Amino acid sequence: VKETRDGVTRIKGIVQGLKDFSHVDRCGHVVT
């Protein structure tokens, strides 16, 4: 269960990275 939860945490980080990438690309230049 611990290893699985670590894997889920990594997946959540990747998903958040994808969301951040697509969000800022649509909105143009922002303070980053």
PDB file of all heavy atoms in Angstrom:
ATOM      1  N   VAL A   1       0.840  -1.201   0.000  1.00  0.00           N
ATOM      2  CA  VAL A   1       0.000   0.000   0.000  1.00  0.00           C
ATOM      3  C   VAL A   1       0.875   1.252   0.000  1.00  0.00           C
ATOM      4  O   VAL A   1       0.595   2.222  -0.718  1.00  0.00           O
ATOM      5  CB  VAL A   1      -0.953  -0.006   1.213  1.00  0.00           C
ATOM      6  CG1 VAL A   1      -1.658   1.341   1.346  1.00  0.00           C
ATOM      7  CG2 VAL A   1      -1.979  -1.123   1.064  1.00  0.00           C
ATOM      8  N   LYS A   2       1.970   1.227   0.799  1.00  0.00           N
ATOM      9  CA  LYS A   2       2.868   2.392   0.849  1.00  0.00           C
ATOM     10  C   LYS A   2       3.480   2.657  -0.527  1.00  0.00           C
ATOM     11  O   LYS A   2       3.515   3.800  -1.003  1.00  0.00           O
ATOM     12  CB  LYS A   2       3.957   2.166   1.883  1.00  0.00           C
ATOM     13  CG  LYS A   2       4.970   3.304   1.994  1.00  0.00           C
ATOM     14  CD  LYS A   2       6.022   3.013   3.044  1.00  0.00           C
ATOM     15  CE  LYS A   2       7.023   4.156   3.146  1.00  0.00           C
ATOM     16  NZ  LYS A   2       7.751   4.378   1.885  1.00  0.00           N
ATOM     17  N   GLU A   3       3.982   1.592  -1.183  1.00  0.00           N
ATOM     18  CA  GLU A   3       4.594   1.770  -2.504  1.00  0.00           C
ATOM     19  C   GLU A   3       3.568   2.256  -3.519  1.00  0.00           C
ATOM     20  O   GLU A   3       3.871   3.094  -4.380  1.00  0.00           O
ATOM     21  CB  GLU A   3       5.212   0.450  -2.963  1.00  0.00           C
ATOM     22  CG  GLU A   3       6.431   0.040  -2.148  1.00  0.00           C
ATOM     23  CD  GLU A   3       6.973  -1.320  -2.575  1.00  0.00           C
ATOM     24  OE1 GLU A   3       6.346  -1.954  -3.453  1.00  0.00           O
ATOM     25  OE2 GLU A   3       8.015  -1.742  -2.032  1.00  0.00           O
ATOM     26  N   THR A   4       2.354   1.721  -3.430  1.00  0.00           N
ATOM     27  CA  THR A   4       1.297   2.145  -4.353  1.00  0.00           C
ATOM     28  C   THR A   4       0.947   3.608  -4.154  1.00  0.00           C
ATOM     29  O   THR A   4       0.762   4.356  -5.111  1.00  0.00           O
ATOM     30  CB  THR A   4       0.044   1.268  -4.172  1.00  0.00           C
ATOM     31  OG1 THR A   4       0.405  -0.101  -4.319  1.00  0.00           O
ATOM     32  CG2 THR A   4      -1.013   1.626  -5.217  1.00  0.00           C
ATOM     33  N   ARG A   5       0.879   4.042  -2.894  1.00  0.00           N
ATOM     34  CA  ARG A   5       0.565   5.437  -2.622  1.00  0.00           C
ATOM     35  C   ARG A   5       1.700   6.350  -3.102  1.00  0.00           C
ATOM     36  O   ARG A   5       1.455   7.460  -3.584  1.00  0.00           O
ATOM     37  CB  ARG A   5       0.316   5.648  -1.131  1.00  0.00           C
ATOM     38  CG  ARG A   5      -0.903   4.893  -0.621  1.00  0.00           C
ATOM     39  CD  ARG A   5      -1.277   5.282   0.780  1.00  0.00           C
ATOM     40  NE  ARG A   5      -1.858   6.612   0.825  1.00  0.00           N
ATOM     41  CZ  ARG A   5      -2.325   7.176   1.926  1.00  0.00           C
ATOM     42  NH1 ARG A   5      -2.268   6.553   3.073  1.00  0.00           N
ATOM     43  NH2 ARG A   5      -2.838   8.389   1.881  1.00  0.00           N
ATOM     44  N   ASP A   6       2.949   5.886  -2.983  1.00  0.00           N
ATOM     45  CA  ASP A   6       4.068   6.667  -3.525  1.00  0.00           C
ATOM     46  C   ASP A   6       3.918   6.818  -5.039  1.00  0.00           C
ATOM     47  O   ASP A   6       4.163   7.898  -5.607  1.00  0.00           O
ATOM     48  CB  ASP A   6       5.397   5.990  -3.205  1.00  0.00           C
ATOM     49  CG  ASP A   6       5.756   6.074  -1.726  1.00  0.00           C
ATOM     50  OD1 ASP A   6       5.171   6.930  -1.038  1.00  0.00           O
ATOM     51  OD2 ASP A   6       6.603   5.283  -1.280  1.00  0.00           O
ATOM     52  N   GLY A   7       3.521   5.726  -5.710  1.00  0.00           N
ATOM     53  CA  GLY A   7       3.308   5.793  -7.156  1.00  0.00           C
ATOM     54  C   GLY A   7       2.186   6.747  -7.516  1.00  0.00           C
ATOM     55  O   GLY A   7       2.306   7.529  -8.470  1.00  0.00           O
ATOM     56  N   VAL A   8       1.097   6.717  -6.758  1.00  0.00           N
ATOM     57  CA  VAL A   8      -0.021   7.638  -7.006  1.00  0.00           C
ATOM     58  C   VAL A   8       0.428   9.082  -6.814  1.00  0.00           C
ATOM     59  O   VAL A   8       0.044   9.978  -7.580  1.00  0.00           O
ATOM     60  CB  VAL A   8      -1.206   7.292  -6.079  1.00  0.00           C
ATOM     61  CG1 VAL A   8      -2.258   8.395  -6.116  1.00  0.00           C
ATOM     62  CG2 VAL A   8      -1.832   5.957  -6.488  1.00  0.00           C
ATOM     63  N   THR A   9       1.258   9.315  -5.784  1.00  0.00           N
ATOM     64  CA  THR A   9       1.760  10.677  -5.555  1.00  0.00           C
ATOM     65  C   THR A   9       2.582  11.163  -6.744  1.00  0.00           C
ATOM     66  O   THR A   9       2.478  12.314  -7.179  1.00  0.00           O
ATOM     67  CB  THR A   9       2.619  10.714  -4.276  1.00  0.00           C
ATOM     68  OG1 THR A   9       1.821  10.302  -3.162  1.00  0.00           O
ATOM     69  CG2 THR A   9       3.150  12.121  -4.027  1.00  0.00           C
ATOM     70  N   ARG A  10       3.408  10.270  -7.303  1.00  0.00           N
ATOM     71  CA  ARG A  10       4.194  10.655  -8.486  1.00  0.00           C
ATOM     72  C   ARG A  10       3.289  10.958  -9.676  1.00  0.00           C
ATOM     73  O   ARG A  10       3.516  11.908 -10.423  1.00  0.00           O
ATOM     74  CB  ARG A  10       5.170   9.533  -8.836  1.00  0.00           C
ATOM     75  CG  ARG A  10       6.300   9.366  -7.844  1.00  0.00           C
ATOM     76  CD  ARG A  10       7.260   8.270  -8.275  1.00  0.00           C
ATOM     77  NE  ARG A  10       7.879   8.607  -9.554  1.00  0.00           N
ATOM     78  CZ  ARG A  10       8.649   7.773 -10.233  1.00  0.00           C
ATOM     79  NH1 ARG A  10       8.879   6.553  -9.763  1.00  0.00           N
ATOM     80  NH2 ARG A  10       9.188   8.152 -11.378  1.00  0.00           N
ATOM     81  N   ILE A  11       2.263  10.122  -9.864  1.00  0.00           N
ATOM     82  CA  ILE A  11       1.324  10.351 -10.970  1.00  0.00           C
ATOM     83  C   ILE A  11       0.610  11.693 -10.792  1.00  0.00           C
ATOM     84  O   ILE A  11       0.433  12.453 -11.743  1.00  0.00           O
ATOM     85  CB  ILE A  11       0.304   9.208 -11.068  1.00  0.00           C
ATOM     86  CG1 ILE A  11       1.001   7.897 -11.442  1.00  0.00           C
ATOM     87  CG2 ILE A  11      -0.772   9.523 -12.110  1.00  0.00           C
ATOM     88  CD1 ILE A  11       0.113   6.680 -11.392  1.00  0.00           C
ATOM     89  N   LYS A  12       0.227  11.996  -9.539  1.00  0.00           N
ATOM     90  CA  LYS A  12      -0.437  13.276  -9.282  1.00  0.00           C
ATOM     91  C   LYS A  12       0.492  14.440  -9.627  1.00  0.00           C
ATOM     92  O   LYS A  12       0.053  15.460 -10.159  1.00  0.00           O
ATOM     93  CB  LYS A  12      -0.863  13.358  -7.809  1.00  0.00           C
ATOM     94  CG  LYS A  12      -2.045  12.451  -7.476  1.00  0.00           C
ATOM     95  CD  LYS A  12      -2.277  12.347  -5.975  1.00  0.00           C
ATOM     96  CE  LYS A  12      -2.802  13.632  -5.406  1.00  0.00           C
ATOM     97  NZ  LYS A  12      -3.116  13.496  -3.967  1.00  0.00           N
ATOM     98  N   GLY A  13       1.778  14.284  -9.327  1.00  0.00           N
ATOM     99  CA  GLY A  13       2.734  15.337  -9.675  1.00  0.00           C
ATOM    100  C   GLY A  13       2.842  15.525 -11.172  1.00  0.00           C
ATOM    101  O   GLY A  13       2.915  16.655 -11.672  1.00  0.00           O
ATOM    102  N   ILE A  14       2.856  14.412 -11.928  1.00  0.00           N
ATOM    103  CA  ILE A  14       2.929  14.504 -13.387  1.00  0.00           C
ATOM    104  C   ILE A  14       1.673  15.161 -13.942  1.00  0.00           C
ATOM    105  O   ILE A  14       1.729  16.030 -14.821  1.00  0.00           O
ATOM    106  CB  ILE A  14       3.121  13.107 -13.998  1.00  0.00           C
ATOM    107  CG1 ILE A  14       4.494  12.554 -13.602  1.00  0.00           C
ATOM    108  CG2 ILE A  14       2.982  13.148 -15.514  1.00  0.00           C
ATOM    109  CD1 ILE A  14       4.708  11.107 -13.968  1.00  0.00           C
ATOM    110  N   VAL A  15       0.503  14.766 -13.427  1.00  0.00           N
ATOM    111  CA  VAL A  15      -0.759  15.356 -13.886  1.00  0.00           C
ATOM    112  C   VAL A  15      -0.789  16.847 -13.599  1.00  0.00           C
ATOM    113  O   VAL A  15      -1.213  17.654 -14.436  1.00  0.00           O
ATOM    114  CB  VAL A  15      -1.958  14.648 -13.212  1.00  0.00           C
ATOM    115  CG1 VAL A  15      -3.258  15.397 -13.485  1.00  0.00           C
ATOM    116  CG2 VAL A  15      -2.064  13.212 -13.715  1.00  0.00           C
ATOM    117  N   GLN A  16      -0.307  17.235 -12.398  1.00  0.00           N
ATOM    118  CA  GLN A  16      -0.289  18.659 -12.071  1.00  0.00           C
ATOM    119  C   GLN A  16       0.648  19.407 -13.017  1.00  0.00           C
ATOM    120  O   GLN A  16       0.361  20.530 -13.442  1.00  0.00           O
ATOM    121  CB  GLN A  16       0.158  18.861 -10.613  1.00  0.00           C
ATOM    122  CG  GLN A  16       0.066  20.293 -10.132  1.00  0.00           C
ATOM    123  CD  GLN A  16      -1.344  20.831 -10.197  1.00  0.00           C
ATOM    124  OE1 GLN A  16      -2.292  20.194  -9.754  1.00  0.00           O
ATOM    125  NE2 GLN A  16      -1.502  22.014 -10.781  1.00  0.00           N
ATOM    126  N   GLY A  17       1.785  18.771 -13.355  1.00  0.00           N
ATOM    127  CA  GLY A  17       2.701  19.389 -14.303  1.00  0.00           C
ATOM    128  C   GLY A  17       2.060  19.593 -15.659  1.00  0.00           C
ATOM    129  O   GLY A  17       2.214  20.637 -16.291  1.00  0.00           O
ATOM    130  N   LEU A  18       1.282  18.586 -16.120  1.00  0.00           N
ATOM    131  CA  LEU A  18       0.572  18.720 -17.397  1.00  0.00           C
ATOM    132  C   LEU A  18      -0.467  19.835 -17.330  1.00  0.00           C
ATOM    133  O   LEU A  18      -0.623  20.618 -18.263  1.00  0.00           O
ATOM    134  CB  LEU A  18      -0.102  17.398 -17.757  1.00  0.00           C
ATOM    135  CG  LEU A  18       0.823  16.252 -18.212  1.00  0.00           C
ATOM    136  CD1 LEU A  18       0.041  14.961 -18.342  1.00  0.00           C
ATOM    137  CD2 LEU A  18       1.471  16.607 -19.538  1.00  0.00           C
ATOM    138  N   LYS A  19      -1.191  19.903 -16.204  1.00  0.00           N
ATOM    139  CA  LYS A  19      -2.198  20.950 -16.067  1.00  0.00           C
ATOM    140  C   LYS A  19      -1.552  22.329 -16.054  1.00  0.00           C
ATOM    141  O   LYS A  19      -2.040  23.265 -16.690  1.00  0.00           O
ATOM    142  CB  LYS A  19      -3.012  20.734 -14.784  1.00  0.00           C
ATOM    143  CG  LYS A  19      -3.935  19.530 -14.840  1.00  0.00           C
ATOM    144  CD  LYS A  19      -4.623  19.281 -13.518  1.00  0.00           C
ATOM    145  CE  LYS A  19      -5.597  20.381 -13.176  1.00  0.00           C
ATOM    146  NZ  LYS A  19      -6.302  20.136 -11.906  1.00  0.00           N
ATOM    147  N   ASP A  20      -0.445  22.462 -15.321  1.00  0.00           N
ATOM    148  CA  ASP A  20       0.254  23.751 -15.285  1.00  0.00           C
ATOM    149  C   ASP A  20       0.749  24.126 -16.667  1.00  0.00           C
ATOM    150  O   ASP A  20       0.629  25.271 -17.107  1.00  0.00           O
ATOM    151  CB  ASP A  20       1.444  23.681 -14.317  1.00  0.00           C
ATOM    152  CG  ASP A  20       1.011  23.556 -12.866  1.00  0.00           C
ATOM    153  OD1 ASP A  20      -0.168  23.851 -12.583  1.00  0.00           O
ATOM    154  OD2 ASP A  20       1.838  23.165 -12.033  1.00  0.00           O
ATOM    155  N   PHE A  21       1.314  23.143 -17.380  1.00  0.00           N
ATOM    156  CA  PHE A  21       1.843  23.397 -18.724  1.00  0.00           C
ATOM    157  C   PHE A  21       0.739  23.894 -19.648  1.00  0.00           C
ATOM    158  O   PHE A  21       0.878  24.922 -20.306  1.00  0.00           O
ATOM    159  CB  PHE A  21       2.445  22.114 -19.287  1.00  0.00           C
ATOM    160  CG  PHE A  21       2.833  22.206 -20.734  1.00  0.00           C
ATOM    161  CD1 PHE A  21       4.058  22.728 -21.089  1.00  0.00           C
ATOM    162  CD2 PHE A  21       1.977  21.771 -21.728  1.00  0.00           C
ATOM    163  CE1 PHE A  21       4.422  22.822 -22.406  1.00  0.00           C
ATOM    164  CE2 PHE A  21       2.328  21.856 -23.051  1.00  0.00           C
ATOM    165  CZ  PHE A  21       3.553  22.384 -23.398  1.00  0.00           C
ATOM    166  N   SER A  22      -0.386  23.171 -19.707  1.00  0.00           N
ATOM    167  CA  SER A  22      -1.446  23.557 -20.646  1.00  0.00           C
ATOM    168  C   SER A  22      -2.110  24.859 -20.221  1.00  0.00           C
ATOM    169  O   SER A  22      -2.491  25.677 -21.054  1.00  0.00           O
ATOM    170  CB  SER A  22      -2.503  22.447 -20.729  1.00  0.00           C
ATOM    171  OG  SER A  22      -3.095  22.220 -19.457  1.00  0.00           O
ATOM    172  N   HIS A  23      -2.216  25.118 -18.909  1.00  0.00           N
ATOM    173  CA  HIS A  23      -2.890  26.330 -18.425  1.00  0.00           C
ATOM    174  C   HIS A  23      -2.091  27.576 -18.766  1.00  0.00           C
ATOM    175  O   HIS A  23      -2.617  28.517 -19.351  1.00  0.00           O
ATOM    176  CB  HIS A  23      -3.081  26.234 -16.918  1.00  0.00           C
ATOM    177  CG  HIS A  23      -3.664  27.475 -16.312  1.00  0.00           C
ATOM    178  ND1 HIS A  23      -4.968  27.840 -16.505  1.00  0.00           N
ATOM    179  CD2 HIS A  23      -3.109  28.450 -15.538  1.00  0.00           C
ATOM    180  CE1 HIS A  23      -5.199  28.981 -15.860  1.00  0.00           C
ATOM    181  NE2 HIS A  23      -4.086  29.362 -15.279  1.00  0.00           N
ATOM    182  N   VAL A  24      -0.802  27.594 -18.436  1.00  0.00           N
ATOM    183  CA  VAL A  24      -0.023  28.799 -18.700  1.00  0.00           C
ATOM    184  C   VAL A  24       0.160  29.018 -20.184  1.00  0.00           C
ATOM    185  O   VAL A  24       0.279  30.143 -20.646  1.00  0.00           O
ATOM    186  CB  VAL A  24       1.357  28.752 -18.002  1.00  0.00           C
ATOM    187  CG1 VAL A  24       1.212  28.715 -16.509  1.00  0.00           C
ATOM    188  CG2 VAL A  24       2.171  27.555 -18.458  1.00  0.00           C
ATOM    189  N   ASP A  25       0.171  27.931 -20.985  1.00  0.00           N
ATOM    190  CA  ASP A  25       0.343  28.113 -22.426  1.00  0.00           C
ATOM    191  C   ASP A  25      -0.869  28.812 -23.014  1.00  0.00           C
ATOM    192  O   ASP A  25      -0.746  29.615 -23.915  1.00  0.00           O
ATOM    193  CB  ASP A  25       0.543  26.749 -23.098  1.00  0.00           C
ATOM    194  CG  ASP A  25       0.827  26.883 -24.569  1.00  0.00           C
ATOM    195  OD1 ASP A  25       1.766  27.612 -24.908  1.00  0.00           O
ATOM    196  OD2 ASP A  25       0.091  26.291 -25.381  1.00  0.00           O
ATOM    197  N   ARG A  26      -2.056  28.516 -22.494  1.00  0.00           N
ATOM    198  CA  ARG A  26      -3.248  29.159 -23.028  1.00  0.00           C
ATOM    199  C   ARG A  26      -3.332  30.609 -22.573  1.00  0.00           C
ATOM    200  O   ARG A  26      -3.891  31.447 -23.262  1.00  0.00           O
ATOM    201  CB  ARG A  26      -4.506  28.401 -22.561  1.00  0.00           C
ATOM    202  CG  ARG A  26      -4.667  27.045 -23.195  1.00  0.00           C
ATOM    203  CD  ARG A  26      -6.073  26.533 -22.970  1.00  0.00           C
ATOM    204  NE  ARG A  26      -6.383  26.435 -21.553  1.00  0.00           N
ATOM    205  CZ  ARG A  26      -6.178  25.371 -20.831  1.00  0.00           C
ATOM    206  NH1 ARG A  26      -5.625  24.305 -21.347  1.00  0.00           N
ATOM    207  NH2 ARG A  26      -6.507  25.346 -19.549  1.00  0.00           N
ATOM    208  N   CYS A  27      -2.834  30.910 -21.416  1.00  0.00           N
ATOM    209  CA  CYS A  27      -3.005  32.248 -20.866  1.00  0.00           C
ATOM    210  C   CYS A  27      -1.888  33.204 -21.267  1.00  0.00           C
ATOM    211  O   CYS A  27      -1.940  34.378 -20.953  1.00  0.00           O
ATOM    212  CB  CYS A  27      -3.082  32.165 -19.339  1.00  0.00           C
ATOM    213  SG  CYS A  27      -4.524  31.278 -18.749  1.00  0.00           S
ATOM    214  N   GLY A  28      -0.822  32.695 -21.926  1.00  0.00           N
ATOM    215  CA  GLY A  28       0.228  33.590 -22.378  1.00  0.00           C
ATOM    216  C   GLY A  28       1.236  33.893 -21.291  1.00  0.00           C
ATOM    217  O   GLY A  28       1.576  33.051 -20.472  1.00  0.00           O
ATOM    218  N   HIS A  29       1.722  35.141 -21.258  1.00  0.00           N
ATOM    219  CA  HIS A  29       2.781  35.529 -20.342  1.00  0.00           C
ATOM    220  C   HIS A  29       2.213  35.825 -18.952  1.00  0.00           C
ATOM    221  O   HIS A  29       1.298  36.640 -18.810  1.00  0.00           O
ATOM    222  CB  HIS A  29       3.506  36.766 -20.877  1.00  0.00           C
ATOM    223  CG  HIS A  29       4.334  36.475 -22.091  1.00  0.00           C
ATOM    224  ND1 HIS A  29       3.793  36.007 -23.269  1.00  0.00           N
ATOM    225  CD2 HIS A  29       5.674  36.579 -22.298  1.00  0.00           C
ATOM    226  CE1 HIS A  29       4.771  35.837 -24.144  1.00  0.00           C
ATOM    227  NE2 HIS A  29       5.907  36.173 -23.597  1.00  0.00           N
ATOM    228  N   VAL A  30       2.760  35.163 -17.946  1.00  0.00           N
ATOM    229  CA  VAL A  30       2.340  35.387 -16.559  1.00  0.00           C
ATOM    230  C   VAL A  30       3.587  35.434 -15.681  1.00  0.00           C
ATOM    231  O   VAL A  30       4.670  35.003 -16.087  1.00  0.00           O
ATOM    232  CB  VAL A  30       1.396  34.268 -16.059  1.00  0.00           C
ATOM    233  CG1 VAL A  30       0.084  34.285 -16.809  1.00  0.00           C
ATOM    234  CG2 VAL A  30       2.055  32.905 -16.202  1.00  0.00           C
ATOM    235  N   VAL A  31       3.428  35.947 -14.472  1.00  0.00           N
ATOM    236  CA  VAL A  31       4.544  35.963 -13.515  1.00  0.00           C
ATOM    237  C   VAL A  31       4.781  34.533 -13.032  1.00  0.00           C
ATOM    238  O   VAL A  31       3.868  33.887 -12.515  1.00  0.00           O
ATOM    239  CB  VAL A  31       4.227  36.901 -12.336  1.00  0.00           C
ATOM    240  CG1 VAL A  31       5.375  36.870 -11.320  1.00  0.00           C
ATOM    241  CG2 VAL A  31       3.995  38.319 -12.826  1.00  0.00           C
ATOM    242  N   THR A  32       5.982  34.023 -13.233  1.00  0.00           N
ATOM    243  CA  THR A  32       6.280  32.615 -12.981  1.00  0.00           C
ATOM    244  C   THR A  32       7.653  32.481 -12.336  1.00  0.00           C
ATOM    245  O   THR A  32       8.537  33.289 -12.576  1.00  0.00           O
ATOM    246  CB  THR A  32       6.277  31.812 -14.312  1.00  0.00           C
ATOM    247  OG1 THR A  32       5.084  32.104 -15.020  1.00  0.00           O
ATOM    248  CG2 THR A  32       6.364  30.324 -14.051  1.00  0.00           C
TER     249      THR A  32
END
